[in-house]
Amino acid sequence: MKALTDKIKEKLQALVEKCEPNSQFQKGLITAINNIEYEESIANFEEVARVMMKHLGNPSKYNPHNIVIITNSTAELVSVRKGLYKIVDYLPD
């Protein structure tokens, strides 16, 4: 079953193909499609991040100073031993 956003993007893309090339309406539709894709990527990222946050929030497994660094080929669990936080003395005004 297709997601609602995929159905919307397909309908908008069909309208793009029917439009006069380089018209303002076509450009607006393309912008709308790009905005939908951007918002969808943000929502997907948030969904995955929240799963990891919930997992790290388990106090029987992790302390609150653990950090996860994930790349496309690695995942690291870092436990901070010492840290300085919220030092703003050297930030420009």
N, C-alpha and C. Protein backbone atom coordinates (compact mmCIF):
# COMPACT_ATOMS: atom_id res chain seq x y z
N MET A 1 0.85 -1.18 0.00
CA MET A 1 0.00 0.00 0.00
C MET A 1 0.89 1.24 0.00
N LYS A 2 0.61 2.16 -0.87
CA LYS A 2 1.41 3.37 -0.98
C LYS A 2 1.06 4.34 0.14
N ALA A 3 2.09 5.06 0.56
CA ALA A 3 1.89 6.11 1.56
C ALA A 3 1.13 7.27 0.92
N LEU A 4 0.45 8.01 1.76
CA LEU A 4 -0.32 9.15 1.28
C LEU A 4 0.57 10.16 0.58
N THR A 5 1.75 10.40 1.12
CA THR A 5 2.65 11.37 0.49
C THR A 5 3.07 10.92 -0.90
N ASP A 6 3.26 9.61 -1.08
CA ASP A 6 3.62 9.11 -2.41
C ASP A 6 2.48 9.33 -3.41
N LYS A 7 1.26 9.14 -2.96
CA LYS A 7 0.11 9.37 -3.84
C LYS A 7 0.00 10.85 -4.22
N ILE A 8 0.22 11.71 -3.25
CA ILE A 8 0.16 13.15 -3.51
C ILE A 8 1.25 13.55 -4.50
N LYS A 9 2.46 13.05 -4.28
CA LYS A 9 3.57 13.38 -5.18
C LYS A 9 3.28 12.89 -6.61
N GLU A 10 2.70 11.71 -6.74
CA GLU A 10 2.36 11.18 -8.07
C GLU A 10 1.34 12.07 -8.77
N LYS A 11 0.33 12.50 -8.05
CA LYS A 11 -0.69 13.38 -8.64
C LYS A 11 -0.08 14.71 -9.07
N LEU A 12 0.76 15.27 -8.21
CA LEU A 12 1.41 16.53 -8.56
C LEU A 12 2.35 16.36 -9.76
N GLN A 13 3.08 15.24 -9.79
CA GLN A 13 3.98 14.98 -10.91
C GLN A 13 3.20 14.84 -12.21
N ALA A 14 2.03 14.21 -12.17
CA ALA A 14 1.19 14.09 -13.35
C ALA A 14 0.75 15.47 -13.85
N LEU A 15 0.44 16.37 -12.91
CA LEU A 15 0.09 17.74 -13.29
C LEU A 15 1.28 18.47 -13.90
N VAL A 16 2.47 18.22 -13.35
CA VAL A 16 3.68 18.85 -13.89
C VAL A 16 3.87 18.47 -15.35
N GLU A 17 3.66 17.21 -15.66
CA GLU A 17 3.85 16.71 -17.02
C GLU A 17 2.82 17.28 -18.00
N LYS A 18 1.66 17.67 -17.50
CA LYS A 18 0.62 18.23 -18.36
C LYS A 18 0.77 19.74 -18.56
N CYS A 19 1.59 20.37 -17.71
CA CYS A 19 1.72 21.83 -17.75
C CYS A 19 2.59 22.29 -18.92
N GLU A 20 2.41 23.55 -19.23
CA GLU A 20 3.29 24.20 -20.19
C GLU A 20 4.69 24.26 -19.58
N PRO A 21 5.72 23.83 -20.32
CA PRO A 21 7.08 23.83 -19.77
C PRO A 21 7.50 25.22 -19.28
N ASN A 22 8.17 25.23 -18.16
CA ASN A 22 8.72 26.44 -17.53
C ASN A 22 7.66 27.48 -17.15
N SER A 23 6.41 27.08 -17.07
CA SER A 23 5.38 28.02 -16.62
C SER A 23 5.49 28.19 -15.11
N GLN A 24 4.94 29.27 -14.62
CA GLN A 24 4.95 29.53 -13.18
C GLN A 24 4.20 28.43 -12.43
N PHE A 25 3.11 27.95 -13.01
CA PHE A 25 2.34 26.89 -12.37
C PHE A 25 3.17 25.62 -12.25
N GLN A 26 3.89 25.28 -13.32
CA GLN A 26 4.74 24.09 -13.28
C GLN A 26 5.84 24.25 -12.23
N LYS A 27 6.45 25.42 -12.18
CA LYS A 27 7.50 25.67 -11.19
C LYS A 27 6.94 25.58 -9.77
N GLY A 28 5.71 26.05 -9.58
CA GLY A 28 5.08 25.96 -8.27
C GLY A 28 4.81 24.51 -7.87
N LEU A 29 4.38 23.71 -8.83
CA LEU A 29 4.14 22.29 -8.54
C LEU A 29 5.44 21.58 -8.18
N ILE A 30 6.50 21.89 -8.92
CA ILE A 30 7.80 21.28 -8.63
C ILE A 30 8.29 21.69 -7.25
N THR A 31 8.09 22.94 -6.89
CA THR A 31 8.45 23.41 -5.55
C THR A 31 7.64 22.67 -4.50
N ALA A 32 6.36 22.46 -4.75
CA ALA A 32 5.51 21.73 -3.80
C ALA A 32 6.00 20.30 -3.63
N ILE A 33 6.36 19.64 -4.72
CA ILE A 33 6.88 18.27 -4.64
C ILE A 33 8.17 18.25 -3.82
N ASN A 34 9.07 19.19 -4.09
CA ASN A 34 10.33 19.25 -3.35
C ASN A 34 10.09 19.49 -1.86
N ASN A 35 9.13 20.36 -1.54
CA ASN A 35 8.81 20.63 -0.13
C ASN A 35 8.25 19.39 0.56
N ILE A 36 7.41 18.65 -0.13
CA ILE A 36 6.85 17.41 0.43
C ILE A 36 7.97 16.41 0.69
N GLU A 37 8.88 16.27 -0.26
CA GLU A 37 9.99 15.32 -0.09
C GLU A 37 10.90 15.74 1.07
N TYR A 38 11.12 17.04 1.21
CA TYR A 38 11.96 17.52 2.31
C TYR A 38 11.28 17.22 3.66
N GLU A 39 10.02 17.56 3.78
CA GLU A 39 9.30 17.33 5.04
C GLU A 39 9.22 15.84 5.36
N GLU A 40 9.08 15.02 4.33
CA GLU A 40 9.04 13.57 4.52
C GLU A 40 10.38 13.06 5.04
N SER A 41 11.49 13.59 4.50
CA SER A 41 12.81 13.16 4.97
C SER A 41 13.04 13.57 6.42
N ILE A 42 12.57 14.76 6.80
CA ILE A 42 12.69 15.21 8.19
C ILE A 42 11.88 14.29 9.10
N ALA A 43 10.67 13.94 8.69
CA ALA A 43 9.81 13.06 9.50
C ALA A 43 10.43 11.67 9.64
N ASN A 44 11.01 11.15 8.57
CA ASN A 44 11.66 9.84 8.62
C ASN A 44 12.85 9.86 9.57
N PHE A 45 13.66 10.92 9.48
CA PHE A 45 14.80 11.05 10.37
C PHE A 45 14.35 11.12 11.83
N GLU A 46 13.32 11.92 12.09
CA GLU A 46 12.83 12.05 13.46
C GLU A 46 12.32 10.71 13.99
N GLU A 47 11.64 9.97 13.16
CA GLU A 47 11.12 8.66 13.57
C GLU A 47 12.26 7.73 14.01
N VAL A 48 13.31 7.67 13.22
CA VAL A 48 14.45 6.81 13.55
C VAL A 48 15.19 7.33 14.79
N ALA A 49 15.38 8.65 14.85
CA ALA A 49 16.09 9.24 15.99
C ALA A 49 15.33 9.00 17.30
N ARG A 50 14.02 9.11 17.26
CA ARG A 50 13.24 8.90 18.48
C ARG A 50 13.34 7.46 18.99
N VAL A 51 13.44 6.50 18.08
CA VAL A 51 13.62 5.10 18.49
C VAL A 51 14.94 4.97 19.25
N MET A 52 16.00 5.57 18.73
CA MET A 52 17.30 5.50 19.40
C MET A 52 17.27 6.24 20.73
N MET A 53 16.61 7.40 20.78
CA MET A 53 16.50 8.16 22.02
C MET A 53 15.76 7.36 23.09
N LYS A 54 14.69 6.70 22.68
CA LYS A 54 13.93 5.88 23.63
C LYS A 54 14.80 4.75 24.15
N HIS A 55 15.56 4.12 23.26
CA HIS A 55 16.44 3.02 23.66
C HIS A 55 17.50 3.52 24.64
N LEU A 56 18.12 4.66 24.35
CA LEU A 56 19.15 5.21 25.23
C LEU A 56 18.57 5.69 26.56
N GLY A 57 17.27 5.97 26.58
CA GLY A 57 16.62 6.44 27.80
C GLY A 57 16.40 5.36 28.83
N ASN A 58 16.79 4.12 28.54
CA ASN A 58 16.63 3.02 29.49
C ASN A 58 17.75 3.10 30.53
N PRO A 59 17.43 3.54 31.75
CA PRO A 59 18.48 3.75 32.75
C PRO A 59 19.15 2.47 33.23
N SER A 60 18.52 1.32 33.01
CA SER A 60 19.16 0.07 33.44
C SER A 60 20.27 -0.36 32.48
N LYS A 61 20.28 0.22 31.27
CA LYS A 61 21.31 -0.14 30.29
C LYS A 61 22.32 0.97 30.05
N TYR A 62 21.87 2.22 30.09
CA TYR A 62 22.73 3.34 29.70
C TYR A 62 22.67 4.47 30.71
N ASN A 63 23.77 5.20 30.82
CA ASN A 63 23.74 6.38 31.67
C ASN A 63 23.37 7.58 30.80
N PRO A 64 22.94 8.67 31.39
CA PRO A 64 22.46 9.81 30.60
C PRO A 64 23.54 10.54 29.81
N HIS A 65 24.79 10.13 29.97
CA HIS A 65 25.88 10.80 29.27
C HIS A 65 26.36 10.02 28.05
N ASN A 66 25.65 8.97 27.69
CA ASN A 66 26.01 8.22 26.48
C ASN A 66 25.60 9.00 25.24
N ILE A 67 26.41 8.84 24.19
CA ILE A 67 26.17 9.49 22.91
C ILE A 67 26.27 8.42 21.83
N VAL A 68 25.38 8.47 20.87
CA VAL A 68 25.44 7.56 19.73
C VAL A 68 25.82 8.37 18.49
N ILE A 69 26.81 7.85 17.76
CA ILE A 69 27.23 8.45 16.50
C ILE A 69 26.98 7.42 15.42
N ILE A 70 26.11 7.75 14.47
CA ILE A 70 25.75 6.81 13.41
C ILE A 70 26.10 7.41 12.06
N THR A 71 26.81 6.64 11.26
CA THR A 71 27.09 7.02 9.88
C THR A 71 26.46 5.98 8.98
N ASN A 72 26.70 6.07 7.68
CA ASN A 72 26.10 5.08 6.78
C ASN A 72 26.79 3.72 6.86
N SER A 73 27.92 3.63 7.58
CA SER A 73 28.59 2.33 7.67
C SER A 73 29.04 1.96 9.09
N THR A 74 28.79 2.83 10.07
CA THR A 74 29.21 2.53 11.44
C THR A 74 28.18 3.06 12.44
N ALA A 75 28.24 2.49 13.63
CA ALA A 75 27.47 3.00 14.76
C ALA A 75 28.35 2.89 15.99
N GLU A 76 28.48 3.99 16.72
CA GLU A 76 29.33 4.01 17.90
C GLU A 76 28.53 4.46 19.11
N LEU A 77 28.74 3.79 20.22
CA LEU A 77 28.18 4.21 21.50
C LEU A 77 29.32 4.78 22.31
N VAL A 78 29.25 6.07 22.61
CA VAL A 78 30.32 6.76 23.32
C VAL A 78 29.82 7.09 24.72
N SER A 79 30.63 6.77 25.71
CA SER A 79 30.29 7.11 27.08
C SER A 79 31.23 8.22 27.53
N VAL A 80 30.67 9.36 27.87
CA VAL A 80 31.47 10.53 28.25
C VAL A 80 31.94 10.37 29.68
N ARG A 81 33.25 10.51 29.89
CA ARG A 81 33.80 10.44 31.25
C ARG A 81 33.88 11.83 31.87
N LYS A 82 34.33 12.79 31.07
CA LYS A 82 34.41 14.16 31.54
C LYS A 82 33.96 15.06 30.41
N GLY A 83 33.31 16.14 30.74
CA GLY A 83 32.87 17.05 29.70
C GLY A 83 32.61 18.44 30.26
N LEU A 84 32.75 19.41 29.41
CA LEU A 84 32.40 20.78 29.74
C LEU A 84 31.23 21.14 28.85
N TYR A 85 30.16 21.61 29.42
CA TYR A 85 28.96 21.87 28.66
C TYR A 85 28.53 23.32 28.81
N LYS A 86 27.97 23.82 27.75
CA LYS A 86 27.38 25.16 27.73
C LYS A 86 28.37 26.26 28.07
N ILE A 87 29.59 26.12 27.60
CA ILE A 87 30.59 27.17 27.76
C ILE A 87 30.39 28.12 26.59
N VAL A 88 29.96 29.33 26.87
CA VAL A 88 29.67 30.29 25.81
C VAL A 88 30.58 31.51 25.86
N ASP A 89 31.63 31.42 26.68
CA ASP A 89 32.53 32.56 26.88
C ASP A 89 33.20 33.01 25.58
N TYR A 90 33.43 32.10 24.66
CA TYR A 90 34.21 32.40 23.47
C TYR A 90 33.39 32.55 22.21
N LEU A 91 32.08 32.54 22.35
CA LEU A 91 31.21 32.74 21.18
C LEU A 91 31.10 34.22 20.88
N PRO A 92 31.17 34.59 19.59
CA PRO A 92 31.01 36.01 19.27
C PRO A 92 29.58 36.46 19.57
N ASP A 93 29.45 37.71 19.93
CA ASP A 93 28.12 38.27 20.25
C ASP A 93 27.25 38.35 19.04
